[in-house]
Amino acid sequence: MLRFQRGDVVAFGQLVDRYQGALYNFALRFVRSGPAAEDILQEVLLRVVQNASEFKHEARFSTWIYSIARNLCIDHLRKLSLRNHDSFEQPRCDDGRSHAEQTADPHPSASAERSAIASELRKVITRAIEALPDDQREVFLLRELANLPFKEIAKLTDTPENTVKSRMRYALERLQEALREFDDTSIPASGRVKDP
């Protein structure tokens, strides 16, 4: 970022290469719409260019850029709050696939059963993340997708660090419960380990 602030255009390309995939995934999980996530990503990059001179190196660049992305996601969701919109699982693409299916592994395993279980697991995880309360989902996404430390998430969300950690703990507990339910329903009865 220092190099970009000094006029090095190549440095901006390196920032884009480093952050665009993670920012897109963050926005996609936050707003649950591929086209909206792409628009948000473009707006984030535009704002980095427009506000480069305002970036102070007191905070980490990743915190700053995810703060921009988070605010744009929240703005987007506020605009949609009065409208009905489709879920992440509903088809939104020209080919009829959902975004969850688009993010599935394009090279399925040779084992059809393993592939089916993996596909179902992705759906369960996606639904479980979407079902999290907004404050827990936000912390989970910032921690797991943006890889931000709790201290930075606390600053970004203007929340005490202990509260951020509690939200993460509750989110993980909910996700673990969803995975336990998946495990109980996905493994055939003949393959389950019996309690002594």
N, C-alpha and C. Protein backbone atom coordinates (compact mmCIF):
# COMPACT_ATOMS: atom_id res chain seq x y z
N MET A 1 0.83 -1.20 0.00
CA MET A 1 0.00 0.00 0.00
C MET A 1 0.87 1.26 0.00
N LEU A 2 1.98 1.21 0.72
CA LEU A 2 2.91 2.36 0.70
C LEU A 2 3.37 2.65 -0.73
N ARG A 3 3.70 1.59 -1.45
CA ARG A 3 4.15 1.78 -2.83
C ARG A 3 3.04 2.37 -3.70
N PHE A 4 1.82 1.90 -3.52
CA PHE A 4 0.70 2.43 -4.31
C PHE A 4 0.45 3.89 -3.96
N GLN A 5 0.53 4.22 -2.68
CA GLN A 5 0.34 5.62 -2.28
C GLN A 5 1.40 6.52 -2.91
N ARG A 6 2.56 5.98 -3.20
CA ARG A 6 3.63 6.76 -3.84
C ARG A 6 3.53 6.77 -5.35
N GLY A 7 2.47 6.14 -5.90
CA GLY A 7 2.25 6.20 -7.34
C GLY A 7 2.61 4.95 -8.11
N ASP A 8 2.98 3.89 -7.45
CA ASP A 8 3.35 2.64 -8.12
C ASP A 8 2.08 1.86 -8.48
N VAL A 9 1.69 1.93 -9.75
CA VAL A 9 0.45 1.29 -10.22
C VAL A 9 0.57 -0.23 -10.14
N VAL A 10 1.75 -0.77 -10.35
CA VAL A 10 1.96 -2.22 -10.27
C VAL A 10 1.62 -2.73 -8.87
N ALA A 11 1.90 -1.92 -7.87
CA ALA A 11 1.60 -2.32 -6.48
C ALA A 11 0.10 -2.51 -6.29
N PHE A 12 -0.73 -1.70 -6.96
CA PHE A 12 -2.17 -1.88 -6.85
C PHE A 12 -2.57 -3.23 -7.44
N GLY A 13 -1.99 -3.60 -8.56
CA GLY A 13 -2.26 -4.91 -9.17
C GLY A 13 -1.93 -6.05 -8.22
N GLN A 14 -0.84 -5.88 -7.47
CA GLN A 14 -0.46 -6.90 -6.50
C GLN A 14 -1.47 -6.97 -5.35
N LEU A 15 -1.98 -5.82 -4.92
CA LEU A 15 -3.02 -5.81 -3.88
C LEU A 15 -4.28 -6.52 -4.39
N VAL A 16 -4.65 -6.24 -5.63
CA VAL A 16 -5.83 -6.88 -6.22
C VAL A 16 -5.63 -8.39 -6.27
N ASP A 17 -4.47 -8.83 -6.76
CA ASP A 17 -4.19 -10.26 -6.83
C ASP A 17 -4.28 -10.92 -5.46
N ARG A 18 -3.77 -10.25 -4.46
CA ARG A 18 -3.72 -10.82 -3.11
C ARG A 18 -5.10 -10.88 -2.46
N TYR A 19 -5.96 -9.89 -2.70
CA TYR A 19 -7.20 -9.78 -1.93
C TYR A 19 -8.50 -10.07 -2.67
N GLN A 20 -8.50 -10.06 -4.00
CA GLN A 20 -9.79 -10.12 -4.69
C GLN A 20 -10.56 -11.41 -4.44
N GLY A 21 -9.90 -12.55 -4.43
CA GLY A 21 -10.60 -13.81 -4.20
C GLY A 21 -11.22 -13.88 -2.82
N ALA A 22 -10.44 -13.52 -1.82
CA ALA A 22 -10.93 -13.57 -0.44
C ALA A 22 -12.03 -12.55 -0.21
N LEU A 23 -11.89 -11.36 -0.79
CA LEU A 23 -12.93 -10.34 -0.63
C LEU A 23 -14.23 -10.76 -1.32
N TYR A 24 -14.10 -11.36 -2.49
CA TYR A 24 -15.30 -11.85 -3.20
C TYR A 24 -16.01 -12.91 -2.35
N ASN A 25 -15.25 -13.88 -1.83
CA ASN A 25 -15.85 -14.93 -1.01
C ASN A 25 -16.50 -14.35 0.25
N PHE A 26 -15.83 -13.39 0.85
CA PHE A 26 -16.39 -12.73 2.03
C PHE A 26 -17.73 -12.07 1.68
N ALA A 27 -17.74 -11.29 0.60
CA ALA A 27 -18.98 -10.60 0.19
C ALA A 27 -20.06 -11.60 -0.20
N LEU A 28 -19.67 -12.67 -0.89
CA LEU A 28 -20.65 -13.68 -1.31
C LEU A 28 -21.32 -14.32 -0.10
N ARG A 29 -20.55 -14.67 0.90
CA ARG A 29 -21.13 -15.27 2.11
C ARG A 29 -21.96 -14.25 2.89
N PHE A 30 -21.57 -13.00 2.82
CA PHE A 30 -22.28 -11.95 3.58
C PHE A 30 -23.60 -11.60 2.92
N VAL A 31 -23.60 -11.39 1.60
CA VAL A 31 -24.82 -10.92 0.91
C VAL A 31 -25.56 -12.03 0.17
N ARG A 32 -24.92 -13.18 -0.01
CA ARG A 32 -25.54 -14.37 -0.60
C ARG A 32 -25.99 -14.18 -2.05
N SER A 33 -25.25 -13.40 -2.78
CA SER A 33 -25.57 -13.17 -4.19
C SER A 33 -24.28 -12.95 -4.96
N GLY A 34 -24.05 -13.80 -5.96
CA GLY A 34 -22.84 -13.68 -6.77
C GLY A 34 -22.71 -12.34 -7.47
N PRO A 35 -23.74 -11.90 -8.19
CA PRO A 35 -23.64 -10.60 -8.86
C PRO A 35 -23.43 -9.45 -7.88
N ALA A 36 -24.12 -9.50 -6.74
CA ALA A 36 -23.95 -8.43 -5.74
C ALA A 36 -22.53 -8.47 -5.16
N ALA A 37 -22.02 -9.67 -4.92
CA ALA A 37 -20.66 -9.81 -4.38
C ALA A 37 -19.64 -9.26 -5.38
N GLU A 38 -19.86 -9.50 -6.66
CA GLU A 38 -18.95 -8.97 -7.69
C GLU A 38 -19.01 -7.44 -7.71
N ASP A 39 -20.22 -6.89 -7.61
CA ASP A 39 -20.37 -5.43 -7.57
C ASP A 39 -19.67 -4.84 -6.34
N ILE A 40 -19.84 -5.51 -5.21
CA ILE A 40 -19.22 -5.04 -3.98
C ILE A 40 -17.70 -5.09 -4.10
N LEU A 41 -17.18 -6.16 -4.66
CA LEU A 41 -15.73 -6.28 -4.86
C LEU A 41 -15.22 -5.12 -5.72
N GLN A 42 -15.91 -4.83 -6.80
CA GLN A 42 -15.48 -3.73 -7.67
C GLN A 42 -15.53 -2.39 -6.92
N GLU A 43 -16.57 -2.20 -6.13
CA GLU A 43 -16.69 -0.96 -5.36
C GLU A 43 -15.60 -0.86 -4.30
N VAL A 44 -15.26 -1.97 -3.67
CA VAL A 44 -14.16 -1.97 -2.69
C VAL A 44 -12.87 -1.52 -3.36
N LEU A 45 -12.56 -2.11 -4.51
CA LEU A 45 -11.32 -1.76 -5.21
C LEU A 45 -11.33 -0.29 -5.66
N LEU A 46 -12.48 0.17 -6.11
CA LEU A 46 -12.61 1.57 -6.50
C LEU A 46 -12.36 2.50 -5.30
N ARG A 47 -12.91 2.13 -4.16
CA ARG A 47 -12.71 2.96 -2.96
C ARG A 47 -11.27 2.93 -2.46
N VAL A 48 -10.60 1.81 -2.65
CA VAL A 48 -9.18 1.77 -2.29
C VAL A 48 -8.41 2.78 -3.13
N VAL A 49 -8.72 2.82 -4.43
CA VAL A 49 -8.05 3.78 -5.31
C VAL A 49 -8.41 5.21 -4.90
N GLN A 50 -9.70 5.46 -4.71
CA GLN A 50 -10.15 6.81 -4.39
C GLN A 50 -9.65 7.31 -3.04
N ASN A 51 -9.51 6.41 -2.07
CA ASN A 51 -9.17 6.81 -0.71
C ASN A 51 -7.76 6.39 -0.29
N ALA A 52 -6.93 6.05 -1.25
CA ALA A 52 -5.58 5.57 -0.92
C ALA A 52 -4.82 6.56 -0.06
N SER A 53 -4.97 7.83 -0.35
CA SER A 53 -4.22 8.84 0.41
C SER A 53 -4.69 8.93 1.87
N GLU A 54 -5.91 8.47 2.14
CA GLU A 54 -6.45 8.54 3.50
C GLU A 54 -6.02 7.37 4.37
N PHE A 55 -5.48 6.30 3.75
CA PHE A 55 -5.09 5.13 4.54
C PHE A 55 -3.89 5.49 5.40
N LYS A 56 -4.07 5.31 6.70
CA LYS A 56 -2.99 5.54 7.65
C LYS A 56 -2.43 4.18 8.05
N HIS A 57 -1.16 4.08 8.16
CA HIS A 57 -0.53 2.79 8.42
C HIS A 57 -0.54 2.41 9.89
N GLU A 58 -1.46 3.01 10.65
CA GLU A 58 -1.62 2.66 12.06
C GLU A 58 -2.33 1.31 12.19
N ALA A 59 -3.20 1.01 11.24
CA ALA A 59 -3.92 -0.26 11.23
C ALA A 59 -3.39 -1.12 10.09
N ARG A 60 -3.71 -2.39 10.16
CA ARG A 60 -3.31 -3.29 9.08
C ARG A 60 -4.13 -2.98 7.83
N PHE A 61 -3.52 -3.15 6.67
CA PHE A 61 -4.23 -2.92 5.42
C PHE A 61 -5.43 -3.86 5.31
N SER A 62 -5.26 -5.13 5.70
CA SER A 62 -6.36 -6.09 5.59
C SER A 62 -7.56 -5.64 6.42
N THR A 63 -7.32 -5.07 7.58
CA THR A 63 -8.43 -4.56 8.40
C THR A 63 -9.14 -3.43 7.69
N TRP A 64 -8.37 -2.54 7.09
CA TRP A 64 -8.95 -1.40 6.38
C TRP A 64 -9.80 -1.85 5.20
N ILE A 65 -9.27 -2.75 4.40
CA ILE A 65 -9.99 -3.17 3.19
C ILE A 65 -11.23 -3.99 3.54
N TYR A 66 -11.12 -4.83 4.59
CA TYR A 66 -12.30 -5.58 5.01
C TYR A 66 -13.33 -4.68 5.68
N SER A 67 -12.91 -3.60 6.26
CA SER A 67 -13.84 -2.63 6.82
C SER A 67 -14.67 -2.01 5.69
N ILE A 68 -14.00 -1.68 4.60
CA ILE A 68 -14.72 -1.15 3.43
C ILE A 68 -15.71 -2.18 2.92
N ALA A 69 -15.25 -3.43 2.77
CA ALA A 69 -16.11 -4.50 2.25
C ALA A 69 -17.30 -4.74 3.18
N ARG A 70 -17.04 -4.79 4.47
CA ARG A 70 -18.10 -5.01 5.45
C ARG A 70 -19.16 -3.92 5.35
N ASN A 71 -18.73 -2.68 5.30
CA ASN A 71 -19.68 -1.56 5.23
C ASN A 71 -20.51 -1.61 3.95
N LEU A 72 -19.88 -1.97 2.85
CA LEU A 72 -20.62 -2.08 1.59
C LEU A 72 -21.61 -3.24 1.64
N CYS A 73 -21.23 -4.34 2.27
CA CYS A 73 -22.15 -5.47 2.42
C CYS A 73 -23.35 -5.07 3.27
N ILE A 74 -23.09 -4.39 4.36
CA ILE A 74 -24.19 -3.94 5.23
C ILE A 74 -25.10 -2.98 4.48
N ASP A 75 -24.53 -2.05 3.74
CA ASP A 75 -25.35 -1.13 2.94
C ASP A 75 -26.22 -1.88 1.94
N HIS A 76 -25.61 -2.87 1.30
CA HIS A 76 -26.36 -3.67 0.31
C HIS A 76 -27.54 -4.39 0.98
N LEU A 77 -27.28 -4.99 2.14
CA LEU A 77 -28.35 -5.72 2.83
C LEU A 77 -29.44 -4.78 3.33
N ARG A 78 -29.07 -3.58 3.72
CA ARG A 78 -30.08 -2.60 4.14
C ARG A 78 -31.00 -2.25 2.98
N LYS A 79 -30.40 -2.09 1.80
CA LYS A 79 -31.22 -1.77 0.62
C LYS A 79 -32.18 -2.90 0.31
N LEU A 80 -31.74 -4.14 0.56
CA LEU A 80 -32.60 -5.30 0.27
C LEU A 80 -33.61 -5.59 1.36
N SER A 81 -33.45 -4.98 2.51
CA SER A 81 -34.29 -5.35 3.65
C SER A 81 -35.78 -5.15 3.39
N LEU A 82 -36.12 -4.26 2.50
CA LEU A 82 -37.53 -4.03 2.19
C LEU A 82 -38.03 -4.88 1.02
N ARG A 83 -37.10 -5.59 0.41
CA ARG A 83 -37.47 -6.43 -0.74
C ARG A 83 -37.32 -7.90 -0.38
N ASN A 84 -38.03 -8.73 -1.09
CA ASN A 84 -37.82 -10.17 -0.96
C ASN A 84 -36.67 -10.54 -1.88
N HIS A 85 -35.81 -11.44 -1.41
CA HIS A 85 -34.73 -11.92 -2.26
C HIS A 85 -34.52 -13.40 -2.04
N ASP A 86 -33.94 -14.03 -3.03
CA ASP A 86 -33.75 -15.47 -3.02
C ASP A 86 -32.69 -15.90 -2.03
N SER A 87 -32.77 -17.13 -1.62
CA SER A 87 -31.74 -17.66 -0.74
C SER A 87 -30.51 -18.06 -1.55
N PHE A 88 -29.46 -18.37 -0.85
CA PHE A 88 -28.19 -18.79 -1.46
C PHE A 88 -28.37 -20.08 -2.24
N GLU A 89 -29.32 -20.91 -1.83
CA GLU A 89 -29.50 -22.21 -2.46
C GLU A 89 -30.36 -22.15 -3.73
N GLN A 90 -31.12 -21.08 -3.92
CA GLN A 90 -32.00 -21.02 -5.07
C GLN A 90 -31.21 -20.67 -6.33
N PRO A 91 -31.66 -21.19 -7.50
CA PRO A 91 -30.94 -20.90 -8.74
C PRO A 91 -30.92 -19.41 -9.04
N ARG A 92 -29.77 -18.92 -9.43
CA ARG A 92 -29.65 -17.51 -9.79
C ARG A 92 -28.86 -17.34 -11.08
N CYS A 93 -28.33 -18.41 -11.58
CA CYS A 93 -27.44 -18.32 -12.73
C CYS A 93 -28.18 -18.76 -13.98
N ASP A 94 -27.62 -18.37 -15.13
CA ASP A 94 -28.24 -18.72 -16.40
C ASP A 94 -28.41 -20.23 -16.56
N ASP A 95 -27.47 -21.00 -16.00
CA ASP A 95 -27.54 -22.45 -16.16
C ASP A 95 -28.41 -23.12 -15.10
N GLY A 96 -29.06 -22.33 -14.21
CA GLY A 96 -29.97 -22.88 -13.22
C GLY A 96 -29.32 -23.36 -11.95
N ARG A 97 -27.98 -23.28 -11.86
CA ARG A 97 -27.30 -23.75 -10.65
C ARG A 97 -27.35 -22.67 -9.58
N SER A 98 -27.37 -23.10 -8.32
CA SER A 98 -27.29 -22.16 -7.21
C SER A 98 -25.84 -21.76 -7.00
N HIS A 99 -25.63 -20.71 -6.22
CA HIS A 99 -24.26 -20.29 -5.92
C HIS A 99 -23.54 -21.34 -5.09
N ALA A 100 -24.27 -22.05 -4.25
CA ALA A 100 -23.65 -23.12 -3.47
C ALA A 100 -23.12 -24.20 -4.40
N GLU A 101 -23.90 -24.51 -5.45
CA GLU A 101 -23.44 -25.52 -6.41
C GLU A 101 -22.26 -25.02 -7.23
N GLN A 102 -22.23 -23.72 -7.51
CA GLN A 102 -21.11 -23.17 -8.28
C GLN A 102 -19.82 -23.26 -7.51
N THR A 103 -19.90 -23.16 -6.19
CA THR A 103 -18.69 -23.21 -5.38
C THR A 103 -18.27 -24.63 -5.07
N ALA A 104 -19.06 -25.60 -5.52
CA ALA A 104 -18.72 -26.99 -5.28
C ALA A 104 -17.47 -27.38 -6.08
N ASP A 105 -16.83 -28.42 -5.65
CA ASP A 105 -15.61 -28.91 -6.32
C ASP A 105 -15.95 -29.31 -7.75
N PRO A 106 -15.29 -28.70 -8.76
CA PRO A 106 -15.59 -29.04 -10.14
C PRO A 106 -15.04 -30.40 -10.55
N HIS A 107 -14.18 -31.00 -9.74
CA HIS A 107 -13.59 -32.30 -10.04
C HIS A 107 -14.01 -33.30 -8.97
N PRO A 108 -15.22 -33.86 -9.08
CA PRO A 108 -15.69 -34.74 -8.03
C PRO A 108 -14.84 -36.00 -7.91
N SER A 109 -14.86 -36.56 -6.74
CA SER A 109 -14.11 -37.77 -6.43
C SER A 109 -14.63 -38.93 -7.27
N ALA A 110 -13.80 -39.94 -7.42
CA ALA A 110 -14.19 -41.12 -8.19
C ALA A 110 -15.34 -41.84 -7.50
N SER A 111 -15.41 -41.74 -6.21
CA SER A 111 -16.47 -42.40 -5.46
C SER A 111 -17.73 -41.55 -5.49
N ALA A 112 -18.78 -42.08 -6.09
CA ALA A 112 -20.04 -41.33 -6.19
C ALA A 112 -20.62 -41.06 -4.81
N GLU A 113 -20.51 -42.02 -3.91
CA GLU A 113 -21.06 -41.84 -2.57
C GLU A 113 -20.32 -40.73 -1.83
N ARG A 114 -19.00 -40.75 -1.91
CA ARG A 114 -18.21 -39.72 -1.24
C ARG A 114 -18.51 -38.36 -1.83
N SER A 115 -18.67 -38.30 -3.13
CA SER A 115 -19.00 -37.04 -3.80
C SER A 115 -20.36 -36.52 -3.36
N ALA A 116 -21.33 -37.41 -3.24
CA ALA A 116 -22.67 -37.02 -2.82
C ALA A 116 -22.65 -36.50 -1.39
N ILE A 117 -21.90 -37.18 -0.51
CA ILE A 117 -21.81 -36.75 0.88
C ILE A 117 -21.13 -35.39 0.97
N ALA A 118 -20.04 -35.21 0.20
CA ALA A 118 -19.32 -33.93 0.20
C ALA A 118 -20.22 -32.80 -0.28
N SER A 119 -21.01 -33.07 -1.31
CA SER A 119 -21.92 -32.06 -1.84
C SER A 119 -22.97 -31.69 -0.79
N GLU A 120 -23.51 -32.70 -0.15
CA GLU A 120 -24.51 -32.46 0.88
C GLU A 120 -23.90 -31.71 2.07
N LEU A 121 -22.67 -32.05 2.42
CA LEU A 121 -21.99 -31.38 3.52
C LEU A 121 -21.79 -29.90 3.22
N ARG A 122 -21.41 -29.58 1.99
CA ARG A 122 -21.26 -28.17 1.60
C ARG A 122 -22.57 -27.42 1.77
N LYS A 123 -23.66 -28.06 1.38
CA LYS A 123 -24.98 -27.43 1.52
C LYS A 123 -25.33 -27.22 2.99
N VAL A 124 -25.03 -28.22 3.80
CA VAL A 124 -25.32 -28.12 5.24
C VAL A 124 -24.51 -26.98 5.85
N ILE A 125 -23.23 -26.90 5.51
CA ILE A 125 -22.37 -25.84 6.05
C ILE A 125 -22.87 -24.47 5.60
N THR A 126 -23.20 -24.36 4.32
CA THR A 126 -23.70 -23.09 3.79
C THR A 126 -24.98 -22.66 4.52
N ARG A 127 -25.92 -23.60 4.67
CA ARG A 127 -27.17 -23.29 5.37
C ARG A 127 -26.90 -22.92 6.82
N ALA A 128 -25.97 -23.65 7.46
CA ALA A 128 -25.66 -23.37 8.86
C ALA A 128 -25.05 -21.99 9.03
N ILE A 129 -24.18 -21.59 8.11
CA ILE A 129 -23.58 -20.25 8.18
C ILE A 129 -24.65 -19.19 7.95
N GLU A 130 -25.53 -19.43 6.98
CA GLU A 130 -26.60 -18.48 6.70
C GLU A 130 -27.57 -18.36 7.87
N ALA A 131 -27.74 -19.44 8.62
CA ALA A 131 -28.69 -19.44 9.73
C ALA A 131 -28.14 -18.76 10.99
N LEU A 132 -26.85 -18.49 11.00
CA LEU A 132 -26.27 -17.82 12.17
C LEU A 132 -26.89 -16.43 12.33
N PRO A 133 -27.07 -15.97 13.55
CA PRO A 133 -27.48 -14.58 13.75
C PRO A 133 -26.46 -13.65 13.08
N ASP A 134 -26.91 -12.51 12.62
CA ASP A 134 -26.05 -11.61 11.85
C ASP A 134 -24.74 -11.29 12.56
N ASP A 135 -24.79 -11.00 13.85
CA ASP A 135 -23.56 -10.62 14.55
C ASP A 135 -22.58 -11.79 14.63
N GLN A 136 -23.09 -13.01 14.79
CA GLN A 136 -22.21 -14.18 14.83
C GLN A 136 -21.66 -14.51 13.45
N ARG A 137 -22.51 -14.40 12.42
CA ARG A 137 -22.06 -14.69 11.06
C ARG A 137 -20.97 -13.70 10.64
N GLU A 138 -21.16 -12.44 11.00
CA GLU A 138 -20.18 -11.42 10.65
C GLU A 138 -18.82 -11.74 11.27
N VAL A 139 -18.80 -12.06 12.55
CA VAL A 139 -17.53 -12.39 13.22
C VAL A 139 -16.93 -13.65 12.60
N PHE A 140 -17.75 -14.66 12.35
CA PHE A 140 -17.26 -15.90 11.76
C PHE A 140 -16.60 -15.63 10.40
N LEU A 141 -17.26 -14.86 9.55
CA LEU A 141 -16.73 -14.57 8.22
C LEU A 141 -15.44 -13.75 8.29
N LEU A 142 -15.43 -12.76 9.17
CA LEU A 142 -14.22 -11.94 9.31
C LEU A 142 -13.05 -12.76 9.83
N ARG A 143 -13.34 -13.71 10.71
CA ARG A 143 -12.27 -14.54 11.28
C ARG A 143 -11.83 -15.63 10.30
N GLU A 144 -12.78 -16.34 9.71
CA GLU A 144 -12.45 -17.50 8.89
C GLU A 144 -12.14 -17.16 7.44
N LEU A 145 -12.85 -16.21 6.85
CA LEU A 145 -12.58 -15.86 5.45
C LEU A 145 -11.55 -14.74 5.34
N ALA A 146 -11.67 -13.73 6.19
CA ALA A 146 -10.74 -12.60 6.12
C ALA A 146 -9.48 -12.87 6.94
N ASN A 147 -9.54 -13.88 7.83
CA ASN A 147 -8.40 -14.26 8.65
C ASN A 147 -7.91 -13.11 9.53
N LEU A 148 -8.86 -12.31 10.02
CA LEU A 148 -8.51 -11.19 10.89
C LEU A 148 -8.43 -11.65 12.33
N PRO A 149 -7.50 -11.11 13.09
CA PRO A 149 -7.44 -11.44 14.52
C PRO A 149 -8.63 -10.82 15.26
N PHE A 150 -8.96 -11.40 16.41
CA PHE A 150 -10.11 -10.91 17.18
C PHE A 150 -9.98 -9.43 17.52
N LYS A 151 -8.79 -9.00 17.83
CA LYS A 151 -8.57 -7.59 18.19
C LYS A 151 -8.97 -6.67 17.04
N GLU A 152 -8.61 -7.06 15.81
CA GLU A 152 -8.96 -6.26 14.63
C GLU A 152 -10.47 -6.31 14.36
N ILE A 153 -11.07 -7.48 14.56
CA ILE A 153 -12.52 -7.60 14.35
C ILE A 153 -13.25 -6.71 15.35
N ALA A 154 -12.75 -6.67 16.58
CA ALA A 154 -13.36 -5.82 17.61
C ALA A 154 -13.33 -4.35 17.19
N LYS A 155 -12.18 -3.90 16.66
CA LYS A 155 -12.08 -2.52 16.18
C LYS A 155 -13.03 -2.27 15.01
N LEU A 156 -13.02 -3.21 14.08
CA LEU A 156 -13.81 -3.08 12.86
C LEU A 156 -15.30 -3.00 13.16
N THR A 157 -15.77 -3.79 14.11
CA THR A 157 -17.21 -3.84 14.41
C THR A 157 -17.59 -2.95 15.59
N ASP A 158 -16.59 -2.27 16.17
CA ASP A 158 -16.82 -1.40 17.32
C ASP A 158 -17.51 -2.17 18.45
N THR A 159 -16.92 -3.34 18.74
CA THR A 159 -17.45 -4.26 19.74
C THR A 159 -16.31 -4.67 20.67
N PRO A 160 -16.56 -4.83 21.95
CA PRO A 160 -15.48 -5.30 22.83
C PRO A 160 -14.93 -6.65 22.36
N GLU A 161 -13.63 -6.83 22.53
CA GLU A 161 -12.98 -8.05 22.04
C GLU A 161 -13.58 -9.31 22.67
N ASN A 162 -13.92 -9.26 23.96
CA ASN A 162 -14.52 -10.44 24.61
C ASN A 162 -15.87 -10.78 24.00
N THR A 163 -16.62 -9.76 23.59
CA THR A 163 -17.90 -10.00 22.93
C THR A 163 -17.68 -10.66 21.58
N VAL A 164 -16.67 -10.20 20.86
CA VAL A 164 -16.33 -10.80 19.56
C VAL A 164 -15.99 -12.27 19.75
N LYS A 165 -15.17 -12.57 20.75
CA LYS A 165 -14.79 -13.96 21.01
C LYS A 165 -16.01 -14.80 21.39
N SER A 166 -16.91 -14.23 22.17
CA SER A 166 -18.14 -14.95 22.54
C SER A 166 -18.98 -15.25 21.31
N ARG A 167 -19.11 -14.27 20.43
CA ARG A 167 -19.89 -14.47 19.20
C ARG A 167 -19.28 -15.58 18.35
N MET A 168 -17.96 -15.60 18.28
CA MET A 168 -17.29 -16.66 17.53
C MET A 168 -17.55 -18.01 18.17
N ARG A 169 -17.45 -18.08 19.50
CA ARG A 169 -17.69 -19.34 20.20
C ARG A 169 -19.12 -19.84 19.94
N TYR A 170 -20.10 -18.93 20.05
CA TYR A 170 -21.49 -19.32 19.80
C TYR A 170 -21.69 -19.77 18.35
N ALA A 171 -21.05 -19.07 17.42
CA ALA A 171 -21.15 -19.45 16.01
C ALA A 171 -20.59 -20.84 15.79
N LEU A 172 -19.43 -21.11 16.37
CA LEU A 172 -18.81 -22.43 16.21
C LEU A 172 -19.66 -23.52 16.85
N GLU A 173 -20.28 -23.23 17.99
CA GLU A 173 -21.16 -24.21 18.62
C GLU A 173 -22.35 -24.53 17.72
N ARG A 174 -22.93 -23.50 17.12
CA ARG A 174 -24.07 -23.72 16.21
C ARG A 174 -23.65 -24.53 14.99
N LEU A 175 -22.48 -24.22 14.45
CA LEU A 175 -21.99 -24.95 13.28
C LEU A 175 -21.67 -26.40 13.65
N GLN A 176 -21.09 -26.62 14.81
CA GLN A 176 -20.81 -27.99 15.26
C GLN A 176 -22.11 -28.78 15.41
N GLU A 177 -23.14 -28.14 15.94
CA GLU A 177 -24.43 -28.81 16.08
C GLU A 177 -24.99 -29.19 14.71
N ALA A 178 -24.89 -28.29 13.74
CA ALA A 178 -25.37 -28.59 12.39
C ALA A 178 -24.60 -29.75 11.79
N LEU A 179 -23.30 -29.81 12.05
CA LEU A 179 -22.49 -30.92 11.53
C LEU A 179 -22.82 -32.23 12.24
N ARG A 180 -23.11 -32.16 13.53
CA ARG A 180 -23.52 -33.38 14.25
C ARG A 180 -24.82 -33.92 13.66
N GLU A 181 -25.75 -33.02 13.38
CA GLU A 181 -27.02 -33.44 12.78
C GLU A 181 -26.79 -34.05 11.40
N PHE A 182 -25.87 -33.45 10.63
CA PHE A 182 -25.54 -34.00 9.32
C PHE A 182 -24.94 -35.38 9.47
N ASP A 183 -24.01 -35.54 10.40
CA ASP A 183 -23.35 -36.82 10.63
C ASP A 183 -24.36 -37.88 11.00
N ASP A 184 -25.32 -37.53 11.84
CA ASP A 184 -26.34 -38.49 12.27
C ASP A 184 -27.24 -38.94 11.13
N THR A 185 -27.47 -38.06 10.16
CA THR A 185 -28.38 -38.41 9.06
C THR A 185 -27.66 -38.91 7.83
N SER A 186 -26.36 -38.65 7.69
CA SER A 186 -25.66 -38.98 6.46
C SER A 186 -25.01 -40.35 6.46
N ILE A 187 -24.68 -40.86 7.64
CA ILE A 187 -24.01 -42.15 7.71
C ILE A 187 -25.06 -43.24 7.83
N PRO A 188 -25.01 -44.24 6.95
CA PRO A 188 -26.00 -45.32 7.04
C PRO A 188 -25.92 -45.99 8.42
N ALA A 189 -27.06 -46.46 8.91
CA ALA A 189 -27.12 -47.07 10.24
C ALA A 189 -26.12 -48.20 10.39
N SER A 190 -25.88 -48.96 9.32
CA SER A 190 -24.95 -50.09 9.39
C SER A 190 -23.51 -49.63 9.60
N GLY A 191 -23.20 -48.38 9.24
CA GLY A 191 -21.83 -47.89 9.35
C GLY A 191 -21.55 -47.09 10.59
N ARG A 192 -22.58 -46.85 11.41
CA ARG A 192 -22.39 -46.04 12.62
C ARG A 192 -21.75 -46.86 13.72
N VAL A 193 -20.95 -46.19 14.51
CA VAL A 193 -20.34 -46.84 15.67
C VAL A 193 -21.37 -46.86 16.79
N LYS A 194 -21.55 -48.02 17.38
CA LYS A 194 -22.54 -48.15 18.46
C LYS A 194 -21.89 -47.82 19.78
N ASP A 195 -22.65 -47.12 20.65
CA ASP A 195 -22.18 -46.83 22.00
C ASP A 195 -22.12 -48.12 22.80
N PRO A 196 -21.09 -48.30 23.65
CA PRO A 196 -20.99 -49.52 24.45
C PRO A 196 -22.06 -49.55 25.52
